[in-house]
Amino acid sequence: FRVDLDGSISTVLTGVGVSNGLGWTADRRTMFFNDSGIETFSIFDFD
C-alpha cells in the first residue's frame, strides 16, 4: 500500500507473499522491494 500526502491510500501491488524491505535511489527514479513470501528482490522504475 501507499499513503499519499493528502491521506489517500492506494493499493500498489496485490498477490504479495510477505511484504518486506523498501528503498529508493538518490535520484528518486528507482525503487527496490523485497517479497519474502515468494522470495523475490525486485526493482521498479519510480516517478
ModelCIF file with pLDDT and N, C-alpha, C, O atoms, coordinates in Angstrom:
data_MODEL
#
_entry.id   MODEL 
#
_entity.id                         1 
_entity.type                       polymer 
_entity.pdbx_number_of_molecules   1 
#
_entity_poly.entity_id                      1 
_entity_poly.type                           'polypeptide(L)' 
_entity_poly.nstd_linkage                   no 
_entity_poly.nstd_monomer                   no 
_entity_poly.pdbx_seq_one_letter_code       FRVDLDGSISTVLTGVGVSNGLGWTADRRTMFFNDSGIETFSIFDFD 
_entity_poly.pdbx_seq_one_letter_code_can   FRVDLDGSISTVLTGVGVSNGLGWTADRRTMFFNDSGIETFSIFDFD 
_entity_poly.pdbx_strand_id                 A 
#
loop_
_entity_poly_seq.entity_id 
_entity_poly_seq.num 
_entity_poly_seq.mon_id 
_entity_poly_seq.hetero 
1 1  PHE n 
1 2  ARG n 
1 3  VAL n 
1 4  ASP n 
1 5  LEU n 
1 6  ASP n 
1 7  GLY n 
1 8  SER n 
1 9  ILE n 
1 10 SER n 
1 11 THR n 
1 12 VAL n 
1 13 LEU n 
1 14 THR n 
1 15 GLY n 
1 16 VAL n 
1 17 GLY n 
1 18 VAL n 
1 19 SER n 
1 20 ASN n 
1 21 GLY n 
1 22 LEU n 
1 23 GLY n 
1 24 TRP n 
1 25 THR n 
1 26 ALA n 
1 27 ASP n 
1 28 ARG n 
1 29 ARG n 
1 30 THR n 
1 31 MET n 
1 32 PHE n 
1 33 PHE n 
1 34 ASN n 
1 35 ASP n 
1 36 SER n 
1 37 GLY n 
1 38 ILE n 
1 39 GLU n 
1 40 THR n 
1 41 PHE n 
1 42 SER n 
1 43 ILE n 
1 44 PHE n 
1 45 ASP n 
1 46 PHE n 
1 47 ASP n 
#
_struct_asym.id          A 
_struct_asym.entity_id   1 
#
loop_
_ma_qa_metric.id 
_ma_qa_metric.mode 
_ma_qa_metric.name 
_ma_qa_metric.software_group_id 
_ma_qa_metric.type 
1 global pLDDT . pLDDT 
2 local  pLDDT . pLDDT 
#
_ma_qa_metric_global.metric_id      1 
_ma_qa_metric_global.metric_value   96.57 
_ma_qa_metric_global.model_id       1 
_ma_qa_metric_global.ordinal_id     1 
#
loop_
_ma_qa_metric_local.label_asym_id 
_ma_qa_metric_local.label_comp_id 
_ma_qa_metric_local.label_seq_id 
_ma_qa_metric_local.metric_id 
_ma_qa_metric_local.metric_value 
_ma_qa_metric_local.model_id 
_ma_qa_metric_local.ordinal_id 
A PHE 1  2 98.00 1 1  
A ARG 2  2 98.00 1 2  
A VAL 3  2 98.00 1 3  
A ASP 4  2 98.00 1 4  
A LEU 5  2 98.00 1 5  
A ASP 6  2 97.00 1 6  
A GLY 7  2 97.00 1 7  
A SER 8  2 97.00 1 8  
A ILE 9  2 97.00 1 9  
A SER 10 2 97.00 1 10 
A THR 11 2 98.00 1 11 
A VAL 12 2 98.00 1 12 
A LEU 13 2 97.00 1 13 
A THR 14 2 97.00 1 14 
A GLY 15 2 96.00 1 15 
A VAL 16 2 96.00 1 16 
A GLY 17 2 95.00 1 17 
A VAL 18 2 96.00 1 18 
A SER 19 2 96.00 1 19 
A ASN 20 2 97.00 1 20 
A GLY 21 2 97.00 1 21 
A LEU 22 2 98.00 1 22 
A GLY 23 2 98.00 1 23 
A TRP 24 2 98.00 1 24 
A THR 25 2 97.00 1 25 
A ALA 26 2 96.00 1 26 
A ASP 27 2 96.00 1 27 
A ARG 28 2 97.00 1 28 
A ARG 29 2 97.00 1 29 
A THR 30 2 98.00 1 30 
A MET 31 2 98.00 1 31 
A PHE 32 2 98.00 1 32 
A PHE 33 2 98.00 1 33 
A ASN 34 2 97.00 1 34 
A ASP 35 2 95.00 1 35 
A SER 36 2 95.00 1 36 
A GLY 37 2 92.00 1 37 
A ILE 38 2 91.00 1 38 
A GLU 39 2 92.00 1 39 
A THR 40 2 93.00 1 40 
A PHE 41 2 93.00 1 41 
A SER 42 2 96.00 1 42 
A ILE 43 2 96.00 1 43 
A PHE 44 2 98.00 1 44 
A ASP 45 2 98.00 1 45 
A PHE 46 2 98.00 1 46 
A ASP 47 2 98.00 1 47 
#
loop_
_atom_site.group_PDB 
_atom_site.id 
_atom_site.type_symbol 
_atom_site.label_atom_id 
_atom_site.label_alt_id 
_atom_site.label_comp_id 
_atom_site.label_asym_id 
_atom_site.label_entity_id 
_atom_site.label_seq_id 
_atom_site.pdbx_PDB_ins_code 
_atom_site.Cartn_x 
_atom_site.Cartn_y 
_atom_site.Cartn_z 
_atom_site.occupancy 
_atom_site.B_iso_or_equiv 
_atom_site.pdbx_formal_charge 
_atom_site.auth_seq_id 
_atom_site.auth_comp_id 
_atom_site.auth_asym_id 
_atom_site.auth_atom_id 
_atom_site.pdbx_PDB_model_num 
ATOM 1   N N  . PHE A 1 1  ? 0.828  -1.203  0.000   1.00 98.00 ? 1  PHE A N  1 
ATOM 2   C CA . PHE A 1 1  ? 0.000  0.000   0.000   1.00 98.00 ? 1  PHE A CA 1 
ATOM 3   C C  . PHE A 1 1  ? 0.868  1.261   0.000   1.00 98.00 ? 1  PHE A C  1 
ATOM 4   O O  . PHE A 1 1  ? 2.031  1.233   0.403   1.00 98.00 ? 1  PHE A O  1 
ATOM 5   N N  . ARG A 1 2  ? 0.280  2.359   -0.459  1.00 98.00 ? 2  ARG A N  1 
ATOM 6   C CA . ARG A 1 2  ? 0.916  3.682   -0.399  1.00 98.00 ? 2  ARG A CA 1 
ATOM 7   C C  . ARG A 1 2  ? -0.078 4.682   0.173   1.00 98.00 ? 2  ARG A C  1 
ATOM 8   O O  . ARG A 1 2  ? -1.232 4.738   -0.253  1.00 98.00 ? 2  ARG A O  1 
ATOM 9   N N  . VAL A 1 3  ? 0.381  5.476   1.146   1.00 98.00 ? 3  VAL A N  1 
ATOM 10  C CA . VAL A 1 3  ? -0.418 6.579   1.670   1.00 98.00 ? 3  VAL A CA 1 
ATOM 11  C C  . VAL A 1 3  ? 0.170  7.867   1.107   1.00 98.00 ? 3  VAL A C  1 
ATOM 12  O O  . VAL A 1 3  ? 1.310  8.218   1.408   1.00 98.00 ? 3  VAL A O  1 
ATOM 13  N N  . ASP A 1 4  ? -0.605 8.564   0.293   1.00 98.00 ? 4  ASP A N  1 
ATOM 14  C CA . ASP A 1 4  ? -0.137 9.803   -0.320  1.00 98.00 ? 4  ASP A CA 1 
ATOM 15  C C  . ASP A 1 4  ? -0.235 10.968  0.664   1.00 98.00 ? 4  ASP A C  1 
ATOM 16  O O  . ASP A 1 4  ? -0.770 10.824  1.763   1.00 98.00 ? 4  ASP A O  1 
ATOM 17  N N  . LEU A 1 5  ? 0.289  12.123  0.255   1.00 98.00 ? 5  LEU A N  1 
ATOM 18  C CA . LEU A 1 5  ? 0.380  13.257  1.162   1.00 98.00 ? 5  LEU A CA 1 
ATOM 19  C C  . LEU A 1 5  ? -0.979 13.823  1.542   1.00 98.00 ? 5  LEU A C  1 
ATOM 20  O O  . LEU A 1 5  ? -1.100 14.498  2.564   1.00 98.00 ? 5  LEU A O  1 
ATOM 21  N N  . ASP A 1 6  ? -2.005 13.558  0.737   1.00 97.00 ? 6  ASP A N  1 
ATOM 22  C CA . ASP A 1 6  ? -3.352 14.013  1.083   1.00 97.00 ? 6  ASP A CA 1 
ATOM 23  C C  . ASP A 1 6  ? -4.086 13.011  1.970   1.00 97.00 ? 6  ASP A C  1 
ATOM 24  O O  . ASP A 1 6  ? -5.259 13.208  2.287   1.00 97.00 ? 6  ASP A O  1 
ATOM 25  N N  . GLY A 1 7  ? -3.404 11.937  2.374   1.00 97.00 ? 7  GLY A N  1 
ATOM 26  C CA . GLY A 1 7  ? -4.019 10.919  3.224   1.00 97.00 ? 7  GLY A CA 1 
ATOM 27  C C  . GLY A 1 7  ? -4.745 9.820   2.472   1.00 97.00 ? 7  GLY A C  1 
ATOM 28  O O  . GLY A 1 7  ? -5.252 8.881   3.086   1.00 97.00 ? 7  GLY A O  1 
ATOM 29  N N  . SER A 1 8  ? -4.804 9.921   1.147   1.00 97.00 ? 8  SER A N  1 
ATOM 30  C CA . SER A 1 8  ? -5.466 8.875   0.372   1.00 97.00 ? 8  SER A CA 1 
ATOM 31  C C  . SER A 1 8  ? -4.573 7.643   0.283   1.00 97.00 ? 8  SER A C  1 
ATOM 32  O O  . SER A 1 8  ? -3.348 7.740   0.360   1.00 97.00 ? 8  SER A O  1 
ATOM 33  N N  . ILE A 1 9  ? -5.206 6.485   0.119   1.00 97.00 ? 9  ILE A N  1 
ATOM 34  C CA . ILE A 1 9  ? -4.494 5.211   0.120   1.00 97.00 ? 9  ILE A CA 1 
ATOM 35  C C  . ILE A 1 9  ? -4.663 4.522   -1.226  1.00 97.00 ? 9  ILE A C  1 
ATOM 36  O O  . ILE A 1 9  ? -5.765 4.449   -1.770  1.00 97.00 ? 9  ILE A O  1 
ATOM 37  N N  . SER A 1 10 ? -3.547 4.016   -1.753  1.00 97.00 ? 10 SER A N  1 
ATOM 38  C CA . SER A 1 10 ? -3.567 3.247   -2.996  1.00 97.00 ? 10 SER A CA 1 
ATOM 39  C C  . SER A 1 10 ? -3.008 1.861   -2.733  1.00 97.00 ? 10 SER A C  1 
ATOM 40  O O  . SER A 1 10 ? -2.061 1.696   -1.964  1.00 97.00 ? 10 SER A O  1 
ATOM 41  N N  . THR A 1 11 ? -3.605 0.861   -3.381  1.00 98.00 ? 11 THR A N  1 
ATOM 42  C CA . THR A 1 11 ? -3.044 -0.480  -3.364  1.00 98.00 ? 11 THR A CA 1 
ATOM 43  C C  . THR A 1 11 ? -2.133 -0.604  -4.572  1.00 98.00 ? 11 THR A C  1 
ATOM 44  O O  . THR A 1 11 ? -2.601 -0.617  -5.711  1.00 98.00 ? 11 THR A O  1 
ATOM 45  N N  . VAL A 1 12 ? -0.833 -0.695  -4.326  1.00 98.00 ? 12 VAL A N  1 
ATOM 46  C CA . VAL A 1 12 ? 0.156  -0.685  -5.408  1.00 98.00 ? 12 VAL A CA 1 
ATOM 47  C C  . VAL A 1 12 ? 0.336  -2.073  -5.992  1.00 98.00 ? 12 VAL A C  1 
ATOM 48  O O  . VAL A 1 12 ? 0.420  -2.234  -7.210  1.00 98.00 ? 12 VAL A O  1 
ATOM 49  N N  . LEU A 1 13 ? 0.397  -3.082  -5.120  1.00 97.00 ? 13 LEU A N  1 
ATOM 50  C CA . LEU A 1 13 ? 0.566  -4.460  -5.568  1.00 97.00 ? 13 LEU A CA 1 
ATOM 51  C C  . LEU A 1 13 ? -0.385 -5.361  -4.794  1.00 97.00 ? 13 LEU A C  1 
ATOM 52  O O  . LEU A 1 13 ? -0.627 -5.147  -3.606  1.00 97.00 ? 13 LEU A O  1 
ATOM 53  N N  . THR A 1 14 ? -0.916 -6.359  -5.466  1.00 97.00 ? 14 THR A N  1 
ATOM 54  C CA . THR A 1 14 ? -1.625 -7.449  -4.800  1.00 97.00 ? 14 THR A CA 1 
ATOM 55  C C  . THR A 1 14 ? -0.860 -8.738  -5.079  1.00 97.00 ? 14 THR A C  1 
ATOM 56  O O  . THR A 1 14 ? 0.113  -8.737  -5.832  1.00 97.00 ? 14 THR A O  1 
ATOM 57  N N  . GLY A 1 15 ? -1.293 -9.817  -4.481  1.00 96.00 ? 15 GLY A N  1 
ATOM 58  C CA . GLY A 1 15 ? -0.602 -11.077 -4.691  1.00 96.00 ? 15 GLY A CA 1 
ATOM 59  C C  . GLY A 1 15 ? 0.765  -11.114 -4.049  1.00 96.00 ? 15 GLY A C  1 
ATOM 60  O O  . GLY A 1 15 ? 1.656  -11.823 -4.516  1.00 96.00 ? 15 GLY A O  1 
ATOM 61  N N  . VAL A 1 16 ? 0.940  -10.339 -2.957  1.00 96.00 ? 16 VAL A N  1 
ATOM 62  C CA . VAL A 1 16 ? 2.216  -10.294 -2.256  1.00 96.00 ? 16 VAL A CA 1 
ATOM 63  C C  . VAL A 1 16 ? 2.251  -11.405 -1.207  1.00 96.00 ? 16 VAL A C  1 
ATOM 64  O O  . VAL A 1 16 ? 1.254  -11.669 -0.535  1.00 96.00 ? 16 VAL A O  1 
ATOM 65  N N  . GLY A 1 17 ? 3.417  -12.054 -1.077  1.00 95.00 ? 17 GLY A N  1 
ATOM 66  C CA . GLY A 1 17 ? 3.552  -13.104 -0.075  1.00 95.00 ? 17 GLY A CA 1 
ATOM 67  C C  . GLY A 1 17 ? 3.764  -12.521 1.312   1.00 95.00 ? 17 GLY A C  1 
ATOM 68  O O  . GLY A 1 17 ? 2.854  -12.543 2.141   1.00 95.00 ? 17 GLY A O  1 
ATOM 69  N N  . VAL A 1 18 ? 4.964  -11.998 1.570   1.00 96.00 ? 18 VAL A N  1 
ATOM 70  C CA . VAL A 1 18 ? 5.292  -11.303 2.815   1.00 96.00 ? 18 VAL A CA 1 
ATOM 71  C C  . VAL A 1 18 ? 5.970  -9.993  2.426   1.00 96.00 ? 18 VAL A C  1 
ATOM 72  O O  . VAL A 1 18 ? 7.143  -9.980  2.055   1.00 96.00 ? 18 VAL A O  1 
ATOM 73  N N  . SER A 1 19 ? 5.228  -8.896  2.512   1.00 96.00 ? 19 SER A N  1 
ATOM 74  C CA . SER A 1 19 ? 5.747  -7.593  2.099   1.00 96.00 ? 19 SER A CA 1 
ATOM 75  C C  . SER A 1 19 ? 6.877  -7.181  3.040   1.00 96.00 ? 19 SER A C  1 
ATOM 76  O O  . SER A 1 19 ? 6.715  -7.206  4.260   1.00 96.00 ? 19 SER A O  1 
ATOM 77  N N  . ASN A 1 20 ? 8.039  -6.795  2.460   1.00 97.00 ? 20 ASN A N  1 
ATOM 78  C CA . ASN A 1 20 ? 9.179  -6.501  3.301   1.00 97.00 ? 20 ASN A CA 1 
ATOM 79  C C  . ASN A 1 20 ? 9.959  -5.291  2.790   1.00 97.00 ? 20 ASN A C  1 
ATOM 80  O O  . ASN A 1 20 ? 9.355  -4.266  2.476   1.00 97.00 ? 20 ASN A O  1 
ATOM 81  N N  . GLY A 1 21 ? 11.295 -5.387  2.698   1.00 97.00 ? 21 GLY A N  1 
ATOM 82  C CA . GLY A 1 21 ? 12.170 -4.233  2.519   1.00 97.00 ? 21 GLY A CA 1 
ATOM 83  C C  . GLY A 1 21 ? 11.818 -3.329  1.355   1.00 97.00 ? 21 GLY A C  1 
ATOM 84  O O  . GLY A 1 21 ? 11.407 -3.785  0.289   1.00 97.00 ? 21 GLY A O  1 
ATOM 85  N N  . LEU A 1 22 ? 11.991 -2.017  1.587   1.00 98.00 ? 22 LEU A N  1 
ATOM 86  C CA . LEU A 1 22 ? 11.742 -0.981  0.588   1.00 98.00 ? 22 LEU A CA 1 
ATOM 87  C C  . LEU A 1 22 ? 12.898 0.011   0.598   1.00 98.00 ? 22 LEU A C  1 
ATOM 88  O O  . LEU A 1 22 ? 13.526 0.235   1.634   1.00 98.00 ? 22 LEU A O  1 
ATOM 89  N N  . GLY A 1 23 ? 13.175 0.603   -0.558  1.00 98.00 ? 23 GLY A N  1 
ATOM 90  C CA . GLY A 1 23 ? 14.208 1.634   -0.615  1.00 98.00 ? 23 GLY A CA 1 
ATOM 91  C C  . GLY A 1 23 ? 14.209 2.329   -1.959  1.00 98.00 ? 23 GLY A C  1 
ATOM 92  O O  . GLY A 1 23 ? 13.678 1.814   -2.942  1.00 98.00 ? 23 GLY A O  1 
ATOM 93  N N  . TRP A 1 24 ? 14.828 3.538   -1.988  1.00 98.00 ? 24 TRP A N  1 
ATOM 94  C CA . TRP A 1 24 ? 14.861 4.370   -3.187  1.00 98.00 ? 24 TRP A CA 1 
ATOM 95  C C  . TRP A 1 24 ? 16.275 4.898   -3.429  1.00 98.00 ? 24 TRP A C  1 
ATOM 96  O O  . TRP A 1 24 ? 17.035 5.122   -2.487  1.00 98.00 ? 24 TRP A O  1 
ATOM 97  N N  . THR A 1 25 ? 16.613 5.093   -4.696  1.00 97.00 ? 25 THR A N  1 
ATOM 98  C CA . THR A 1 25 ? 17.912 5.666   -5.034  1.00 97.00 ? 25 THR A CA 1 
ATOM 99  C C  . THR A 1 25 ? 17.879 7.184   -4.842  1.00 97.00 ? 25 THR A C  1 
ATOM 100 O O  . THR A 1 25 ? 16.811 7.785   -4.726  1.00 97.00 ? 25 THR A O  1 
ATOM 101 N N  . ALA A 1 26 ? 19.068 7.791   -4.810  1.00 96.00 ? 26 ALA A N  1 
ATOM 102 C CA . ALA A 1 26 ? 19.177 9.220   -4.519  1.00 96.00 ? 26 ALA A CA 1 
ATOM 103 C C  . ALA A 1 26 ? 18.504 10.081  -5.582  1.00 96.00 ? 26 ALA A C  1 
ATOM 104 O O  . ALA A 1 26 ? 18.007 11.164  -5.271  1.00 96.00 ? 26 ALA A O  1 
ATOM 105 N N  . ASP A 1 27 ? 18.479 9.617   -6.837  1.00 96.00 ? 27 ASP A N  1 
ATOM 106 C CA . ASP A 1 27 ? 17.835 10.410  -7.881  1.00 96.00 ? 27 ASP A CA 1 
ATOM 107 C C  . ASP A 1 27 ? 16.326 10.235  -7.898  1.00 96.00 ? 27 ASP A C  1 
ATOM 108 O O  . ASP A 1 27 ? 15.642 10.839  -8.724  1.00 96.00 ? 27 ASP A O  1 
ATOM 109 N N  . ARG A 1 28 ? 15.795 9.411   -6.992  1.00 97.00 ? 28 ARG A N  1 
ATOM 110 C CA . ARG A 1 28 ? 14.362 9.180   -6.813  1.00 97.00 ? 28 ARG A CA 1 
ATOM 111 C C  . ARG A 1 28 ? 13.710 8.492   -8.004  1.00 97.00 ? 28 ARG A C  1 
ATOM 112 O O  . ARG A 1 28 ? 12.490 8.553   -8.155  1.00 97.00 ? 28 ARG A O  1 
ATOM 113 N N  . ARG A 1 29 ? 14.489 7.846   -8.843  1.00 97.00 ? 29 ARG A N  1 
ATOM 114 C CA . ARG A 1 29 ? 13.955 7.243   -10.062 1.00 97.00 ? 29 ARG A CA 1 
ATOM 115 C C  . ARG A 1 29 ? 13.858 5.723   -9.992  1.00 97.00 ? 29 ARG A C  1 
ATOM 116 O O  . ARG A 1 29 ? 13.343 5.092   -10.915 1.00 97.00 ? 29 ARG A O  1 
ATOM 117 N N  . THR A 1 30 ? 14.349 5.133   -8.905  1.00 98.00 ? 30 THR A N  1 
ATOM 118 C CA . THR A 1 30 ? 14.361 3.681   -8.794  1.00 98.00 ? 30 THR A CA 1 
ATOM 119 C C  . THR A 1 30 ? 13.903 3.273   -7.396  1.00 98.00 ? 30 THR A C  1 
ATOM 120 O O  . THR A 1 30 ? 14.306 3.875   -6.401  1.00 98.00 ? 30 THR A O  1 
ATOM 121 N N  . MET A 1 31 ? 13.057 2.245   -7.332  1.00 98.00 ? 31 MET A N  1 
ATOM 122 C CA . MET A 1 31 ? 12.579 1.714   -6.062  1.00 98.00 ? 31 MET A CA 1 
ATOM 123 C C  . MET A 1 31 ? 12.913 0.227   -5.987  1.00 98.00 ? 31 MET A C  1 
ATOM 124 O O  . MET A 1 31 ? 12.827 -0.490  -6.984  1.00 98.00 ? 31 MET A O  1 
ATOM 125 N N  . PHE A 1 32 ? 13.294 -0.226  -4.795  1.00 98.00 ? 32 PHE A N  1 
ATOM 126 C CA . PHE A 1 32 ? 13.553 -1.646  -4.544  1.00 98.00 ? 32 PHE A CA 1 
ATOM 127 C C  . PHE A 1 32 ? 12.497 -2.183  -3.583  1.00 98.00 ? 32 PHE A C  1 
ATOM 128 O O  . PHE A 1 32 ? 11.968 -1.451  -2.747  1.00 98.00 ? 32 PHE A O  1 
ATOM 129 N N  . PHE A 1 33 ? 12.200 -3.471  -3.716  1.00 98.00 ? 33 PHE A N  1 
ATOM 130 C CA . PHE A 1 33 ? 11.166 -4.094  -2.874  1.00 98.00 ? 33 PHE A CA 1 
ATOM 131 C C  . PHE A 1 33 ? 11.472 -5.577  -2.709  1.00 98.00 ? 33 PHE A C  1 
ATOM 132 O O  . PHE A 1 33 ? 11.751 -6.280  -3.680  1.00 98.00 ? 33 PHE A O  1 
ATOM 133 N N  . ASN A 1 34 ? 11.415 -6.043  -1.452  1.00 97.00 ? 34 ASN A N  1 
ATOM 134 C CA . ASN A 1 34 ? 11.582 -7.463  -1.156  1.00 97.00 ? 34 ASN A CA 1 
ATOM 135 C C  . ASN A 1 34 ? 10.250 -8.086  -0.772  1.00 97.00 ? 34 ASN A C  1 
ATOM 136 O O  . ASN A 1 34 ? 9.522  -7.553  0.065   1.00 97.00 ? 34 ASN A O  1 
ATOM 137 N N  . ASP A 1 35 ? 9.941  -9.209  -1.386  1.00 95.00 ? 35 ASP A N  1 
ATOM 138 C CA . ASP A 1 35 ? 8.791  -10.027 -1.000  1.00 95.00 ? 35 ASP A CA 1 
ATOM 139 C C  . ASP A 1 35 ? 9.345  -11.349 -0.471  1.00 95.00 ? 35 ASP A C  1 
ATOM 140 O O  . ASP A 1 35 ? 9.766  -12.211 -1.242  1.00 95.00 ? 35 ASP A O  1 
ATOM 141 N N  . SER A 1 36 ? 9.340  -11.496 0.850   1.00 95.00 ? 36 SER A N  1 
ATOM 142 C CA . SER A 1 36 ? 9.924  -12.698 1.453   1.00 95.00 ? 36 SER A CA 1 
ATOM 143 C C  . SER A 1 36 ? 9.087  -13.938 1.179   1.00 95.00 ? 36 SER A C  1 
ATOM 144 O O  . SER A 1 36 ? 9.619  -15.047 1.126   1.00 95.00 ? 36 SER A O  1 
ATOM 145 N N  . GLY A 1 37 ? 7.787  -13.761 1.005   1.00 92.00 ? 37 GLY A N  1 
ATOM 146 C CA . GLY A 1 37 ? 6.915  -14.913 0.805   1.00 92.00 ? 37 GLY A CA 1 
ATOM 147 C C  . GLY A 1 37 ? 7.200  -15.658 -0.483  1.00 92.00 ? 37 GLY A C  1 
ATOM 148 O O  . GLY A 1 37 ? 7.196  -16.889 -0.513  1.00 92.00 ? 37 GLY A O  1 
ATOM 149 N N  . ILE A 1 38 ? 7.451  -14.904 -1.557  1.00 91.00 ? 38 ILE A N  1 
ATOM 150 C CA . ILE A 1 38 ? 7.772  -15.550 -2.835  1.00 91.00 ? 38 ILE A CA 1 
ATOM 151 C C  . ILE A 1 38 ? 9.253  -15.387 -3.168  1.00 91.00 ? 38 ILE A C  1 
ATOM 152 O O  . ILE A 1 38 ? 9.689  -15.669 -4.284  1.00 91.00 ? 38 ILE A O  1 
ATOM 153 N N  . GLU A 1 39 ? 10.026 -14.918 -2.162  1.00 92.00 ? 39 GLU A N  1 
ATOM 154 C CA . GLU A 1 39 ? 11.490 -14.905 -2.210  1.00 92.00 ? 39 GLU A CA 1 
ATOM 155 C C  . GLU A 1 39 ? 12.032 -14.120 -3.404  1.00 92.00 ? 39 GLU A C  1 
ATOM 156 O O  . GLU A 1 39 ? 12.885 -14.610 -4.144  1.00 92.00 ? 39 GLU A O  1 
ATOM 157 N N  . THR A 1 40 ? 11.526 -12.892 -3.585  1.00 93.00 ? 40 THR A N  1 
ATOM 158 C CA . THR A 1 40 ? 11.989 -12.068 -4.692  1.00 93.00 ? 40 THR A CA 1 
ATOM 159 C C  . THR A 1 40 ? 12.533 -10.730 -4.207  1.00 93.00 ? 40 THR A C  1 
ATOM 160 O O  . THR A 1 40 ? 11.975 -10.111 -3.300  1.00 93.00 ? 40 THR A O  1 
ATOM 161 N N  . PHE A 1 41 ? 13.616 -10.298 -4.814  1.00 93.00 ? 41 PHE A N  1 
ATOM 162 C CA . PHE A 1 41 ? 14.218 -8.987  -4.633  1.00 93.00 ? 41 PHE A CA 1 
ATOM 163 C C  . PHE A 1 41 ? 14.039 -8.270  -5.969  1.00 93.00 ? 41 PHE A C  1 
ATOM 164 O O  . PHE A 1 41 ? 14.645 -8.655  -6.970  1.00 93.00 ? 41 PHE A O  1 
ATOM 165 N N  . SER A 1 42 ? 13.195 -7.211  -5.985  1.00 96.00 ? 42 SER A N  1 
ATOM 166 C CA . SER A 1 42 ? 12.761 -6.597  -7.237  1.00 96.00 ? 42 SER A CA 1 
ATOM 167 C C  . SER A 1 42 ? 13.155 -5.132  -7.321  1.00 96.00 ? 42 SER A C  1 
ATOM 168 O O  . SER A 1 42 ? 13.420 -4.484  -6.309  1.00 96.00 ? 42 SER A O  1 
ATOM 169 N N  . ILE A 1 43 ? 13.188 -4.626  -8.537  1.00 96.00 ? 43 ILE A N  1 
ATOM 170 C CA . ILE A 1 43 ? 13.483 -3.228  -8.822  1.00 96.00 ? 43 ILE A CA 1 
ATOM 171 C C  . ILE A 1 43 ? 12.358 -2.669  -9.684  1.00 96.00 ? 43 ILE A C  1 
ATOM 172 O O  . ILE A 1 43 ? 11.839 -3.362  -10.559 1.00 96.00 ? 43 ILE A O  1 
ATOM 173 N N  . PHE A 1 44 ? 11.975 -1.396  -9.433  1.00 98.00 ? 44 PHE A N  1 
ATOM 174 C CA . PHE A 1 44 ? 10.920 -0.725  -10.181 1.00 98.00 ? 44 PHE A CA 1 
ATOM 175 C C  . PHE A 1 44 ? 11.446 0.608   -10.720 1.00 98.00 ? 44 PHE A C  1 
ATOM 176 O O  . PHE A 1 44 ? 12.348 1.207   -10.135 1.00 98.00 ? 44 PHE A O  1 
ATOM 177 N N  . ASP A 1 45 ? 10.891 1.057   -11.814 1.00 98.00 ? 45 ASP A N  1 
ATOM 178 C CA . ASP A 1 45 ? 11.020 2.463   -12.198 1.00 98.00 ? 45 ASP A CA 1 
ATOM 179 C C  . ASP A 1 45 ? 10.081 3.257   -11.300 1.00 98.00 ? 45 ASP A C  1 
ATOM 180 O O  . ASP A 1 45 ? 8.954  2.835   -11.039 1.00 98.00 ? 45 ASP A O  1 
ATOM 181 N N  . PHE A 1 46 ? 10.558 4.424   -10.823 1.00 98.00 ? 46 PHE A N  1 
ATOM 182 C CA . PHE A 1 46 ? 9.778  5.189   -9.860  1.00 98.00 ? 46 PHE A CA 1 
ATOM 183 C C  . PHE A 1 46 ? 9.613  6.625   -10.339 1.00 98.00 ? 46 PHE A C  1 
ATOM 184 O O  . PHE A 1 46 ? 10.572 7.257   -10.781 1.00 98.00 ? 46 PHE A O  1 
ATOM 185 N N  . ASP A 1 47 ? 8.381  7.136   -10.247 1.00 98.00 ? 47 ASP A N  1 
ATOM 186 C CA . ASP A 1 47 ? 8.097  8.526   -10.596 1.00 98.00 ? 47 ASP A CA 1 
ATOM 187 C C  . ASP A 1 47 ? 8.009  9.330   -9.304  1.00 98.00 ? 47 ASP A C  1 
ATOM 188 O O  . ASP A 1 47 ? 7.775  10.538  -9.343  1.00 98.00 ? 47 ASP A O  1 
#
